[in-house]
Amino acid sequence: MVVDVLVPEPVAGEHSVREPALVRARAFRAAEWAVVVSAALTVGTAPIEGSLMAVHPQAVKIPAVLLVGSWLVLRFWFRTRGNFHPVHVLLTALATTVLASTALHLSGQFALQYAIRWVPFLVTAAILVDVASREIKVRLILAASVVGAVLAGSGGLFSVIVSGERRATGPLEDPNDLAYVLVAALPLVVALELGGRWWNVARVVLVGVLALGAAATFSRGGAMAAAVAVIWLIARGAISLRTLLTAAAGVLVAAVTVAAFAASTLVAALGEKQYIAGSNVDSRLIRWQAAARLLGENPVLGVGPGGFREHYAAASGLAEIAEQTPVTHNMYLEVGAELGTLGLLLFVGVIFTALVSTELALRAGADHRTVVAIQASLLAVIVASVFLSQQYYMSLWSMVAAACALHLRHPTQAGG
C-alpha cells in the first residue's frame, strides 16, 4: 500500500531567510575551527621556530596572526562572549608598561625591536586564556606544547648523533634555550592520557626524547629545573616512585644507545663544558650585577626593552670585551633592568597569578594530574629562568594561559 505524504508548500521568502542563517552558521563554525587550529599551531610551532625561520623569516608569525585574526572574528564579528580573568588586567598593565618604557627610551638601539617581541607574547597569552576557557580544551594546549617540544628534542638529538655537534641545539640556536623548552614540556606528558598499552609505550618514548634531548644540551640550569619538576610531580602524587623508576630505566637504556652512536662527541662536549663552567659562572655573576645596577639607577621604567644589551658595556665597566651586547641570563633581573620595578612586579604577578589559579582550579574540582603537571611546568620555567632570559619564549606564556584558563573552567569554588 502506498501512503501519500503531504509536503507543505514553502512559504514565500522562507529560503531567502534560511540561506543567510545557514551561511552564517557555517562561517561561525569555520571561525571556531580556525581558533582551535591556530591556537594549537601557535603553541606547537614555537619550539621549532628556528626551522620555520629557515623556510621563511616570517613563517613563525603566521600561526599567531591567524589566532589573533580568528579570535577577533569570533568575538567581534559574531559577538560571542569572552571570558575575563584577573591575569588580563596584569597582562594589559604589563603591555602598557612595555610601551611606556619604549616611548621613554625610543632612541635606544634595541628598544623598538624588543618591544615588538614583548607585545605579541602578551596579546597571545591573553587570547589563549580566553579561548582555552571556552572554545578549546586546556589539554590541547598541553598536547601542542609536548608535540612541539618533542620535535625540537628530536632535532637536538639529530644534531648530536648525525651532525656531530658538541651540544644539542636542533631548531634553537642556544642549547640552554632548547633545554628550557624541553624541561618545561617534560611534566606535561603526565597530564596526557589516551589509555591503552600503546599509549603507555608512546609516553615512555615522549619522555625519553625530552629527557635525552635536554641532557644532550649539558645545561645545568635545565637539569635543576627538571629535577624540581620531577620532585613536584612526586610530592603532589601525580606520578608514583615506581613509574618514575620505570621511566628512568627506559631513558637510561636509550641514553646508552645514543652514547654508543655519539660517544666521542659527547665525551668531547662534556670535557668542554667542564672547562668553561667556571668562566660561565663568573660572566653570569658580572651580568647579574650589571642588571641590578641598571635597575637601581632606573627604578621606575628601567632602561627600556633591550636596554640591558645597549647599556651592558658601561654598566659592567667593559668587563667582557668579547661580549658587548649579551643577555642577562636571568629573566627576572633582565625584566627589572629593562622595565623597572613596576614592570618586574607586574611580570612576577602574572606568574604568581597563574600558580594561584591552578590551586583554585584544583579546589574547584579540576583534574589533579593536569593541575600538578601545569604547576610542575611553571616551576621548571621559574627555576630555569634564574639562569636564562626566557621571557620571549612561548613555554612561559602558554603555561600561564593554561593555568588561568583551567581556573575559568572551574569557577564555582574559586569564586566563592
Protein backbone atom coordinates (compact mmCIF):
# COMPACT_ATOMS: atom_id res chain seq x y z
CA MET A 1 0.00 0.00 0.00
CA VAL A 2 1.29 3.41 -0.94
CA VAL A 3 0.79 6.20 1.53
CA ASP A 4 0.66 9.69 0.19
CA VAL A 5 2.72 12.14 2.19
CA LEU A 6 1.61 15.71 2.07
CA VAL A 7 4.57 18.07 1.81
CA PRO A 8 3.70 21.63 2.77
CA GLU A 9 4.29 24.30 0.22
CA PRO A 10 7.28 26.51 1.05
CA VAL A 11 6.32 29.85 2.49
CA ALA A 12 7.27 32.73 0.29
CA GLY A 13 10.67 34.09 1.23
CA GLU A 14 11.47 31.15 3.55
CA HIS A 15 14.59 30.07 1.57
CA SER A 16 15.85 33.62 1.49
CA VAL A 17 15.69 33.67 5.28
CA ARG A 18 17.24 30.23 5.86
CA GLU A 19 20.16 30.54 3.46
CA PRO A 20 21.86 33.56 5.13
CA ALA A 21 21.37 31.89 8.53
CA LEU A 22 22.96 28.68 7.22
CA VAL A 23 25.86 30.59 5.72
CA ARG A 24 26.37 32.45 8.99
CA ALA A 25 26.31 29.21 10.98
CA ARG A 26 28.91 27.66 8.71
CA ALA A 27 31.07 30.77 8.92
CA PHE A 28 30.80 30.66 12.70
CA ARG A 29 31.92 27.02 12.82
CA ALA A 30 34.78 27.86 10.47
CA ALA A 31 35.88 30.68 12.78
CA GLU A 32 35.77 28.33 15.77
CA TRP A 33 37.87 25.74 13.94
CA ALA A 34 40.32 28.47 12.90
CA VAL A 35 40.72 29.48 16.54
CA VAL A 36 41.34 25.88 17.64
CA VAL A 37 43.84 25.11 14.89
CA SER A 38 45.72 28.41 15.12
CA ALA A 39 45.96 28.17 18.93
CA ALA A 40 47.44 24.66 18.69
CA LEU A 41 49.85 25.75 15.96
CA THR A 42 50.90 28.89 17.86
CA VAL A 43 51.91 26.80 20.86
CA GLY A 44 53.15 23.74 18.96
CA THR A 45 55.37 25.51 16.43
CA ALA A 46 57.07 27.80 18.95
CA PRO A 47 59.74 25.22 19.94
CA ILE A 48 60.73 24.72 16.29
CA GLU A 49 60.83 28.40 15.36
CA GLY A 50 64.38 28.07 14.06
CA SER A 51 63.31 25.52 11.46
CA LEU A 52 60.37 27.67 10.41
CA MET A 53 62.57 30.75 10.06
CA ALA A 54 64.90 28.76 7.83
CA VAL A 55 61.94 28.23 5.50
CA HIS A 56 60.89 31.88 5.66
CA PRO A 57 61.79 34.61 8.21
CA GLN A 58 58.11 35.42 8.82
CA ALA A 59 56.79 31.84 8.88
CA VAL A 60 56.93 31.61 12.68
CA LYS A 61 54.49 34.55 12.97
CA ILE A 62 51.74 33.06 10.79
CA PRO A 63 50.01 30.90 13.47
CA ALA A 64 49.83 33.81 15.95
CA VAL A 65 48.49 36.17 13.28
CA LEU A 66 45.83 33.60 12.38
CA LEU A 67 44.96 33.20 16.06
CA VAL A 68 44.50 36.92 16.59
CA GLY A 69 42.51 37.29 13.38
CA SER A 70 40.17 34.35 14.00
CA TRP A 71 39.67 35.42 17.63
CA LEU A 72 38.71 38.94 16.52
CA VAL A 73 36.21 37.49 14.04
CA LEU A 74 34.72 35.20 16.67
CA ARG A 75 34.43 37.81 19.41
CA PHE A 76 33.56 40.96 17.44
CA TRP A 77 32.05 39.88 14.12
CA PHE A 78 29.93 37.10 15.65
CA ARG A 79 29.71 38.92 19.00
CA THR A 80 30.46 35.88 21.14
CA ARG A 81 31.16 36.42 24.80
CA GLY A 82 34.74 36.08 26.02
CA ASN A 83 35.91 35.13 29.49
CA PHE A 84 37.69 37.57 31.78
CA HIS A 85 40.40 36.56 34.24
CA PRO A 86 42.34 38.83 36.63
CA VAL A 87 45.51 37.98 34.72
CA HIS A 88 44.11 40.01 31.82
CA VAL A 89 44.47 43.13 33.96
CA LEU A 90 48.08 42.27 34.74
CA LEU A 91 48.88 41.49 31.10
CA THR A 92 47.32 44.78 29.99
CA ALA A 93 49.23 46.70 32.64
CA LEU A 94 52.47 44.95 31.67
CA ALA A 95 51.89 45.75 27.99
CA THR A 96 51.26 49.38 28.93
CA THR A 97 54.49 49.43 30.93
CA VAL A 98 56.41 47.97 27.99
CA LEU A 99 55.02 50.65 25.68
CA ALA A 100 55.69 53.43 28.20
CA SER A 101 59.27 52.28 28.73
CA THR A 102 59.73 52.01 24.97
CA ALA A 103 58.40 55.53 24.41
CA LEU A 104 60.74 56.87 27.10
CA HIS A 105 63.75 55.16 25.51
CA LEU A 106 62.66 55.21 21.87
CA SER A 107 66.11 56.40 20.78
CA GLY A 108 67.65 53.24 22.24
CA GLN A 109 69.42 50.85 19.92
CA PHE A 110 67.16 47.87 20.69
CA ALA A 111 64.04 49.49 22.22
CA LEU A 112 61.61 49.16 19.34
CA GLN A 113 62.96 45.76 18.28
CA TYR A 114 62.38 44.26 21.73
CA ALA A 115 59.04 46.00 22.27
CA ILE A 116 57.83 44.27 19.12
CA ARG A 117 58.93 40.99 20.69
CA TRP A 118 57.20 41.72 24.02
CA VAL A 119 53.74 42.80 22.92
CA PRO A 120 52.83 39.77 20.74
CA PHE A 121 53.55 37.38 23.61
CA LEU A 122 51.32 39.38 25.96
CA VAL A 123 48.50 39.60 23.42
CA THR A 124 48.79 35.90 22.55
CA ALA A 125 48.74 34.90 26.23
CA ALA A 126 45.62 37.00 26.84
CA ILE A 127 43.82 35.43 23.88
CA LEU A 128 44.88 31.90 24.83
CA VAL A 129 43.44 32.39 28.33
CA ASP A 130 40.12 33.36 26.74
CA VAL A 131 39.85 30.66 24.05
CA ALA A 132 41.20 27.86 26.27
CA SER A 133 38.41 28.60 28.73
CA ARG A 134 35.69 28.29 26.06
CA GLU A 135 36.49 27.08 22.54
CA ILE A 136 39.37 24.68 23.10
CA LYS A 137 40.40 22.28 25.84
CA VAL A 138 43.31 23.11 28.10
CA ARG A 139 44.78 19.69 27.34
CA LEU A 140 45.05 20.67 23.68
CA ILE A 141 47.42 23.46 24.74
CA LEU A 142 49.43 20.96 26.79
CA ALA A 143 49.49 18.41 23.96
CA ALA A 144 50.64 21.05 21.47
CA SER A 145 53.44 22.05 23.84
CA VAL A 146 54.57 18.44 24.14
CA VAL A 147 54.44 17.76 20.40
CA GLY A 148 56.43 20.89 19.59
CA ALA A 149 58.99 20.12 22.29
CA VAL A 150 59.38 16.50 21.10
CA LEU A 151 60.05 17.75 17.57
CA ALA A 152 62.63 20.17 18.96
CA GLY A 153 64.18 17.45 21.12
CA SER A 154 64.37 15.11 18.13
CA GLY A 155 66.14 17.84 16.20
CA GLY A 156 68.54 18.31 19.08
CA LEU A 157 69.40 14.62 19.22
CA PHE A 158 69.84 14.59 15.45
CA SER A 159 72.29 17.48 15.70
CA VAL A 160 74.44 15.46 18.14
CA ILE A 161 74.17 11.95 16.68
CA VAL A 162 74.21 12.78 12.98
CA SER A 163 75.65 16.27 12.64
CA GLY A 164 78.29 15.76 15.33
CA GLU A 165 77.58 18.96 17.29
CA ARG A 166 79.06 19.10 20.78
CA ARG A 167 75.79 20.19 22.42
CA ALA A 168 72.25 19.62 21.21
CA THR A 169 70.66 22.63 19.56
CA GLY A 170 68.29 21.47 16.84
CA PRO A 171 65.80 24.17 15.82
CA LEU A 172 67.04 26.59 18.50
CA GLU A 173 70.39 28.35 18.34
CA ASP A 174 71.30 28.12 22.02
CA PRO A 175 71.49 24.69 23.77
CA ASN A 176 70.31 26.32 27.00
CA ASP A 177 67.17 27.57 25.29
CA LEU A 178 66.49 24.09 23.95
CA ALA A 179 66.90 22.62 27.44
CA TYR A 180 64.45 25.19 28.79
CA VAL A 181 61.78 24.25 26.23
CA LEU A 182 62.23 20.52 26.78
CA VAL A 183 62.16 20.51 30.58
CA ALA A 184 59.11 22.80 30.57
CA ALA A 185 57.26 20.27 28.42
CA LEU A 186 58.51 17.17 30.27
CA PRO A 187 56.00 17.21 33.17
CA LEU A 188 53.09 17.89 30.78
CA VAL A 189 53.30 14.33 29.47
CA VAL A 190 51.79 13.28 32.81
CA ALA A 191 48.59 15.21 32.03
CA LEU A 192 48.03 13.49 28.68
CA GLU A 193 46.03 10.30 28.98
CA LEU A 194 44.74 8.36 25.98
CA GLY A 195 44.57 4.95 27.64
CA GLY A 196 45.76 1.61 26.38
CA ARG A 197 49.06 -0.25 26.28
CA TRP A 198 50.30 1.54 23.17
CA TRP A 199 49.84 4.92 24.81
CA ASN A 200 51.96 3.81 27.77
CA VAL A 201 54.73 2.88 25.33
CA ALA A 202 54.31 6.17 23.47
CA ARG A 203 54.50 8.10 26.73
CA VAL A 204 57.85 6.48 27.56
CA VAL A 205 59.13 7.44 24.09
CA LEU A 206 58.00 11.05 24.57
CA VAL A 207 59.66 11.25 27.97
CA GLY A 208 62.81 9.67 26.53
CA VAL A 209 63.12 12.19 23.70
CA LEU A 210 62.51 15.14 26.01
CA ALA A 211 64.87 13.91 28.75
CA LEU A 212 67.66 12.81 26.40
CA GLY A 213 67.37 15.97 24.33
CA ALA A 214 67.66 18.09 27.47
CA ALA A 215 70.59 16.01 28.76
CA ALA A 216 72.40 16.41 25.44
CA THR A 217 72.39 20.19 25.88
CA PHE A 218 74.57 19.85 29.03
CA SER A 219 72.58 22.71 30.54
CA ARG A 220 72.97 22.81 34.31
CA GLY A 221 70.03 25.17 34.69
CA GLY A 222 67.89 22.81 32.66
CA ALA A 223 68.94 19.88 34.84
CA MET A 224 67.99 21.77 38.01
CA ALA A 225 64.64 22.76 36.53
CA ALA A 226 63.90 19.16 35.50
CA ALA A 227 64.77 17.93 38.99
CA VAL A 228 62.42 20.45 40.62
CA ALA A 229 59.60 19.49 38.24
CA VAL A 230 60.01 15.76 38.92
CA ILE A 231 60.16 16.29 42.68
CA TRP A 232 56.96 18.33 42.50
CA LEU A 233 55.17 15.65 40.48
CA ILE A 234 56.10 13.03 43.06
CA ALA A 235 55.35 15.22 46.06
CA ARG A 236 51.87 16.08 44.75
CA GLY A 237 51.09 12.48 43.82
CA ALA A 238 50.90 12.98 40.04
CA ILE A 239 53.33 10.11 39.47
CA SER A 240 54.48 7.25 41.67
CA LEU A 241 58.06 6.44 42.50
CA ARG A 242 57.62 3.14 40.66
CA THR A 243 56.53 4.93 37.50
CA LEU A 244 59.46 7.29 37.81
CA LEU A 245 61.94 4.42 38.17
CA THR A 246 60.42 2.62 35.18
CA ALA A 247 60.68 5.75 33.03
CA ALA A 248 64.22 6.38 34.28
CA ALA A 249 65.24 2.82 33.32
CA GLY A 250 63.83 3.32 29.82
CA VAL A 251 65.61 6.65 29.45
CA LEU A 252 68.86 5.09 30.68
CA VAL A 253 68.67 2.34 28.06
CA ALA A 254 68.02 4.96 25.38
CA ALA A 255 70.88 7.09 26.69
CA VAL A 256 73.32 4.18 26.43
CA THR A 257 72.13 3.59 22.86
CA VAL A 258 72.64 7.24 21.93
CA ALA A 259 76.05 7.29 23.59
CA ALA A 260 77.10 4.30 21.51
CA PHE A 261 76.49 6.29 18.33
CA ALA A 262 77.99 9.57 19.52
CA ALA A 263 80.44 8.58 22.25
CA SER A 264 83.38 10.68 21.05
CA THR A 265 81.20 13.76 20.53
CA LEU A 266 79.61 13.50 23.96
CA VAL A 267 82.95 12.95 25.73
CA ALA A 268 84.42 16.00 23.97
CA ALA A 269 81.34 18.06 24.81
CA LEU A 270 81.48 17.07 28.47
CA GLY A 271 85.15 17.99 28.70
CA GLU A 272 84.50 21.31 27.00
CA LYS A 273 81.59 22.04 29.34
CA GLN A 274 83.72 21.35 32.41
CA TYR A 275 86.48 23.56 31.05
CA ILE A 276 84.26 26.60 30.52
CA ALA A 277 81.95 26.04 33.52
CA GLY A 278 83.92 28.34 35.81
CA SER A 279 84.12 31.19 33.32
CA ASN A 280 80.37 30.88 32.64
CA VAL A 281 79.61 31.34 36.33
CA ASP A 282 81.87 34.38 36.52
CA SER A 283 80.39 36.03 33.43
CA ARG A 284 76.83 35.49 34.63
CA LEU A 285 77.60 37.00 38.01
CA ILE A 286 79.01 40.06 36.24
CA ARG A 287 75.87 40.36 34.11
CA TRP A 288 73.58 39.96 37.10
CA GLN A 289 75.45 42.70 38.94
CA ALA A 290 75.21 44.97 35.90
CA ALA A 291 71.46 44.33 35.59
CA ALA A 292 70.92 45.03 39.30
CA ARG A 293 72.92 48.25 38.91
CA LEU A 294 70.78 49.35 35.97
CA LEU A 295 67.61 48.61 37.92
CA GLY A 296 68.86 50.60 40.89
CA GLU A 297 69.71 53.58 38.69
CA ASN A 298 66.44 53.41 36.72
CA PRO A 299 63.86 52.09 39.19
CA VAL A 300 60.65 53.37 37.58
CA LEU A 301 60.62 52.24 33.93
CA GLY A 302 64.11 50.77 33.57
CA VAL A 303 66.35 51.36 30.58
CA GLY A 304 63.79 50.23 28.01
CA PRO A 305 63.20 46.91 26.21
CA GLY A 306 66.54 45.54 25.04
CA GLY A 307 68.25 48.25 27.09
CA PHE A 308 70.41 45.83 29.03
CA ARG A 309 72.23 44.87 25.84
CA GLU A 310 72.78 48.50 24.96
CA HIS A 311 74.00 49.63 28.39
CA TYR A 312 75.82 46.49 29.48
CA ALA A 313 79.31 47.58 28.47
CA ALA A 314 79.05 50.78 30.50
CA ALA A 315 77.25 49.18 33.45
CA SER A 316 79.83 46.39 33.72
CA GLY A 317 82.85 48.60 33.15
CA LEU A 318 83.78 46.73 29.95
CA ALA A 319 84.03 43.51 31.96
CA GLU A 320 83.58 41.33 28.87
CA ILE A 321 85.49 42.54 25.87
CA ALA A 322 84.23 39.70 23.67
CA GLU A 323 80.57 40.23 24.67
CA GLN A 324 79.49 43.85 24.38
CA THR A 325 75.73 43.22 23.98
CA PRO A 326 74.87 39.97 25.82
CA VAL A 327 71.65 38.87 27.51
CA THR A 328 71.45 38.86 31.30
CA HIS A 329 70.98 35.09 31.69
CA ASN A 330 68.44 35.86 34.41
CA MET A 331 64.88 36.56 33.30
CA TYR A 332 63.90 38.47 36.43
CA LEU A 333 66.90 40.77 36.54
CA GLU A 334 66.62 41.45 32.82
CA VAL A 335 62.93 42.35 33.07
CA GLY A 336 63.66 44.55 36.08
CA ALA A 337 66.58 46.33 34.42
CA GLU A 338 64.61 46.99 31.23
CA LEU A 339 61.09 47.67 32.56
CA GLY A 340 61.84 48.93 36.05
CA THR A 341 60.33 47.92 39.38
CA LEU A 342 56.79 48.34 38.08
CA GLY A 343 57.39 46.05 35.12
CA LEU A 344 59.11 43.44 37.28
CA LEU A 345 56.28 43.41 39.83
CA LEU A 346 53.67 43.02 37.09
CA PHE A 347 55.69 40.29 35.40
CA VAL A 348 56.14 38.30 38.62
CA GLY A 349 52.48 38.99 39.38
CA VAL A 350 51.44 37.27 36.14
CA ILE A 351 53.38 34.12 37.07
CA PHE A 352 52.13 34.18 40.67
CA THR A 353 48.53 34.60 39.50
CA ALA A 354 48.92 31.57 37.24
CA LEU A 355 50.17 29.42 40.13
CA VAL A 356 47.37 30.58 42.42
CA SER A 357 44.85 29.91 39.65
CA THR A 358 45.91 26.28 39.42
CA GLU A 359 45.32 25.76 43.14
CA LEU A 360 41.91 27.44 42.94
CA ALA A 361 41.01 25.24 39.98
CA LEU A 362 42.12 22.15 41.87
CA ARG A 363 39.93 23.03 44.85
CA ALA A 364 37.01 23.59 42.46
CA GLY A 365 37.32 20.09 41.02
CA ALA A 366 39.86 20.33 38.18
CA ASP A 367 41.71 17.17 37.22
CA HIS A 368 44.51 16.62 39.73
CA ARG A 369 47.12 15.33 37.27
CA THR A 370 46.50 18.20 34.85
CA VAL A 371 46.83 20.80 37.59
CA VAL A 372 50.02 19.34 39.03
CA ALA A 373 51.55 18.94 35.56
CA ILE A 374 50.94 22.63 34.78
CA GLN A 375 52.36 23.59 38.17
CA ALA A 376 55.46 21.47 37.59
CA SER A 377 55.95 23.04 34.16
CA LEU A 378 55.65 26.53 35.62
CA LEU A 379 58.12 25.64 38.37
CA ALA A 380 60.55 24.35 35.74
CA VAL A 381 60.20 27.67 33.92
CA ILE A 382 60.70 29.64 37.14
CA VAL A 383 63.86 27.73 38.09
CA ALA A 384 65.42 27.63 34.61
CA SER A 385 64.81 31.36 34.20
CA VAL A 386 67.12 32.12 37.13
CA PHE A 387 69.92 31.20 34.73
CA LEU A 388 68.32 32.14 31.39
CA SER A 389 66.49 35.09 29.84
CA GLN A 390 63.30 33.34 28.73
CA GLN A 391 60.58 36.00 28.66
CA TYR A 392 60.46 35.71 24.86
CA TYR A 393 59.55 32.02 24.74
CA MET A 394 56.07 30.52 24.48
CA SER A 395 56.77 27.91 27.18
CA LEU A 396 56.14 30.56 29.83
CA TRP A 397 53.14 32.25 28.27
CA SER A 398 51.32 29.09 27.19
CA MET A 399 51.52 27.68 30.72
CA VAL A 400 50.28 30.96 32.20
CA ALA A 401 47.36 30.77 29.77
CA ALA A 402 46.66 27.10 30.54
CA ALA A 403 46.70 27.74 34.29
CA CYS A 404 44.33 30.71 34.14
CA ALA A 405 42.01 29.04 31.61
CA LEU A 406 41.75 26.00 33.88
CA HIS A 407 40.67 28.34 36.66
CA LEU A 408 37.97 29.86 34.45
CA ARG A 409 36.69 26.40 33.56
CA HIS A 410 36.20 25.59 37.28
CA PRO A 411 34.80 28.82 38.75
CA THR A 412 32.35 27.51 41.39
CA GLN A 413 34.53 27.24 44.46
CA ALA A 414 37.19 29.57 43.04
CA GLY A 415 34.82 32.48 43.10
CA GLY A 416 33.32 31.61 46.45
